C-alpha atoms as a PDB file:
ATOM      1  CA  UNK A   1      -0.577   4.975  10.691  1.00  0.00           C
ATOM      2  CA  UNK A   2      -1.545   4.860   6.831  1.00  0.00           C
ATOM      3  CA  UNK A   3      -2.199   1.844   4.713  1.00  0.00           C
ATOM      4  CA  UNK A   4      -1.296   1.376   1.096  1.00  0.00           C
ATOM      5  CA  UNK A   5      -3.285  -0.846  -1.401  1.00  0.00           C
ATOM      6  CA  UNK A   6      -1.027  -1.889  -4.154  1.00  0.00           C
ATOM      7  CA  UNK A   7      -1.048  -3.858  -7.321  1.00  0.00           C
ATOM      8  CA  UNK A   8       2.142  -5.404  -8.710  1.00  0.00           C
ATOM      9  CA  UNK A   9       2.776  -6.693 -12.265  1.00  0.00           C
ATOM     10  CA  UNK A  10       5.162  -9.249 -13.480  1.00  0.00           C
ATOM     11  CA  UNK A  11       6.242  -8.590 -17.048  1.00  0.00           C
ATOM     12  CA  UNK A  12       8.015 -11.920 -17.337  1.00  0.00           C
ATOM     13  CA  UNK A  13       4.844 -13.820 -16.505  1.00  0.00           C
ATOM     14  CA  UNK A  14       2.037 -11.376 -17.168  1.00  0.00           C
ATOM     15  CA  UNK A  15       0.823 -11.795 -13.634  1.00  0.00           C
ATOM     16  CA  UNK A  16      -0.836  -9.336 -11.223  1.00  0.00           C
ATOM     17  CA  UNK A  17      -0.708  -9.338  -7.406  1.00  0.00           C
ATOM     18  CA  UNK A  18      -2.876  -7.280  -5.124  1.00  0.00           C
ATOM     19  CA  UNK A  19      -2.244  -6.423  -1.625  1.00  0.00           C
ATOM     20  CA  UNK A  20      -2.166  -4.036   1.172  1.00  0.00           C
ATOM     21  CA  UNK A  21       0.593  -2.955   3.771  1.00  0.00           C
ATOM     22  CA  UNK A  22       1.434  -0.340   6.068  1.00  0.00           C
ATOM     23  CA  UNK A  23       5.048  -0.107   4.667  1.00  0.00           C
ATOM     24  CA  UNK A  24       5.091  -0.312   0.966  1.00  0.00           C
ATOM     25  CA  UNK A  25       8.921   0.014   0.602  1.00  0.00           C
ATOM     26  CA  UNK A  26       9.503  -3.021   2.774  1.00  0.00           C
ATOM     27  CA  UNK A  27       6.790  -4.864   1.303  1.00  0.00           C
ATOM     28  CA  UNK A  28       8.253  -4.519  -2.220  1.00  0.00           C
ATOM     29  CA  UNK A  29      11.553  -5.628  -0.860  1.00  0.00           C
ATOM     30  CA  UNK A  30       9.704  -8.657   0.528  1.00  0.00           C
ATOM     31  CA  UNK A  31       8.264  -9.307  -2.821  1.00  0.00           C
ATOM     32  CA  UNK A  32      11.378  -8.987  -4.877  1.00  0.00           C
ATOM     33  CA  UNK A  33      14.084 -10.036  -2.707  1.00  0.00           C
ATOM     34  CA  UNK A  34      12.918 -11.931   0.258  1.00  0.00           C
ATOM     35  CA  UNK A  35       9.983 -14.127   1.239  1.00  0.00           C
ATOM     36  CA  UNK A  36       8.866 -17.639   0.133  1.00  0.00           C
ATOM     37  CA  UNK A  37       5.232 -16.842  -0.752  1.00  0.00           C
ATOM     38  CA  UNK A  38       3.371 -17.230  -4.026  1.00  0.00           C
ATOM     39  CA  UNK A  39       5.054 -13.998  -5.382  1.00  0.00           C
ATOM     40  CA  UNK A  40       8.736 -15.482  -5.210  1.00  0.00           C
ATOM     41  CA  UNK A  41       8.293 -17.371  -8.560  1.00  0.00           C
ATOM     42  CA  UNK A  42       6.985 -14.430 -10.561  1.00  0.00           C
ATOM     43  CA  UNK A  43       9.872 -11.968  -9.831  1.00  0.00           C
ATOM     44  CA  UNK A  44      10.644  -9.278 -10.609  1.00  0.00           C
ATOM     45  CA  UNK A  45       7.630  -7.203  -9.617  1.00  0.00           C
ATOM     46  CA  UNK A  46       6.741  -3.775 -10.811  1.00  0.00           C
ATOM     47  CA  UNK A  47       4.550  -1.503  -8.812  1.00  0.00           C
ATOM     48  CA  UNK A  48       1.657  -0.275 -11.259  1.00  0.00           C
ATOM     49  CA  UNK A  49      -0.790   1.047  -8.791  1.00  0.00           C
ATOM     50  CA  UNK A  50      -1.030   2.389  -5.382  1.00  0.00           C
ATOM     51  CA  UNK A  51      -3.556   3.998  -3.107  1.00  0.00           C
ATOM     52  CA  UNK A  52      -3.154   5.301   0.536  1.00  0.00           C
ATOM     53  CA  UNK A  53      -5.912   5.052   3.326  1.00  0.00           C
ATOM     54  CA  UNK A  54      -5.803   6.322   6.944  1.00  0.00           C
ATOM     55  CA  UNK A  55      -8.147   3.523   7.988  1.00  0.00           C
ATOM     56  CA  UNK A  56      -7.180  -0.148   7.785  1.00  0.00           C
ATOM     57  CA  UNK A  57     -10.718  -1.116   7.228  1.00  0.00           C
ATOM     58  CA  UNK A  58     -11.048   1.072   4.296  1.00  0.00           C
ATOM     59  CA  UNK A  59      -7.842  -0.358   2.712  1.00  0.00           C
ATOM     60  CA  UNK A  60      -8.933  -3.897   3.170  1.00  0.00           C
ATOM     61  CA  UNK A  61     -12.381  -2.972   1.596  1.00  0.00           C
ATOM     62  CA  UNK A  62     -10.502  -1.555  -1.389  1.00  0.00           C
ATOM     63  CA  UNK A  63      -8.325  -4.465  -1.701  1.00  0.00           C
ATOM     64  CA  UNK A  64     -11.410  -6.735  -1.723  1.00  0.00           C
ATOM     65  CA  UNK A  65     -13.026  -4.599  -4.347  1.00  0.00           C
ATOM     66  CA  UNK A  66      -9.790  -4.906  -6.554  1.00  0.00           C
ATOM     67  CA  UNK A  67      -9.987  -8.665  -6.297  1.00  0.00           C
ATOM     68  CA  UNK A  68     -13.828  -8.652  -7.440  1.00  0.00           C
ATOM     69  CA  UNK A  69     -14.889  -8.906 -11.017  1.00  0.00           C
ATOM     70  CA  UNK A  70     -15.245  -5.145 -11.304  1.00  0.00           C
ATOM     71  CA  UNK A  71     -11.950  -4.570  -9.643  1.00  0.00           C
ATOM     72  CA  UNK A  72     -10.165  -6.991 -11.933  1.00  0.00           C
ATOM     73  CA  UNK A  73     -11.672  -5.275 -14.953  1.00  0.00           C
ATOM     74  CA  UNK A  74     -10.235  -1.962 -13.584  1.00  0.00           C
ATOM     75  CA  UNK A  75      -6.792  -3.522 -13.285  1.00  0.00           C
ATOM     76  CA  UNK A  76      -6.841  -4.332 -16.911  1.00  0.00           C
ATOM     77  CA  UNK A  77      -7.381  -0.536 -17.831  1.00  0.00           C
ATOM     78  CA  UNK A  78      -4.076   0.243 -15.882  1.00  0.00           C
ATOM     79  CA  UNK A  79      -0.935   1.025 -17.877  1.00  0.00           C
ATOM     80  CA  UNK A  80       1.501  -1.949 -17.862  1.00  0.00           C
ATOM     81  CA  UNK A  81       5.303  -1.479 -18.195  1.00  0.00           C
ATOM     82  CA  UNK A  82       6.841  -3.146 -21.054  1.00  0.00           C
END
């Protein structure tokens, strides 16, 4: 099984969301169509980053790094859709 660490961007609210999943397509559907979590109020979300890992622990470590100060600086360098 592989795991994907991803970053979503809400153009309408200038917000980012970082997460990881074993099924990116279903997770995107959850963020944009289903669910009742924090992401619901900032729809629609666009995928601006994804990185795949074979190991769940590595994916979780990368997600944690993206949520750190250095990781947030990295996110600022990503191309954002208009």
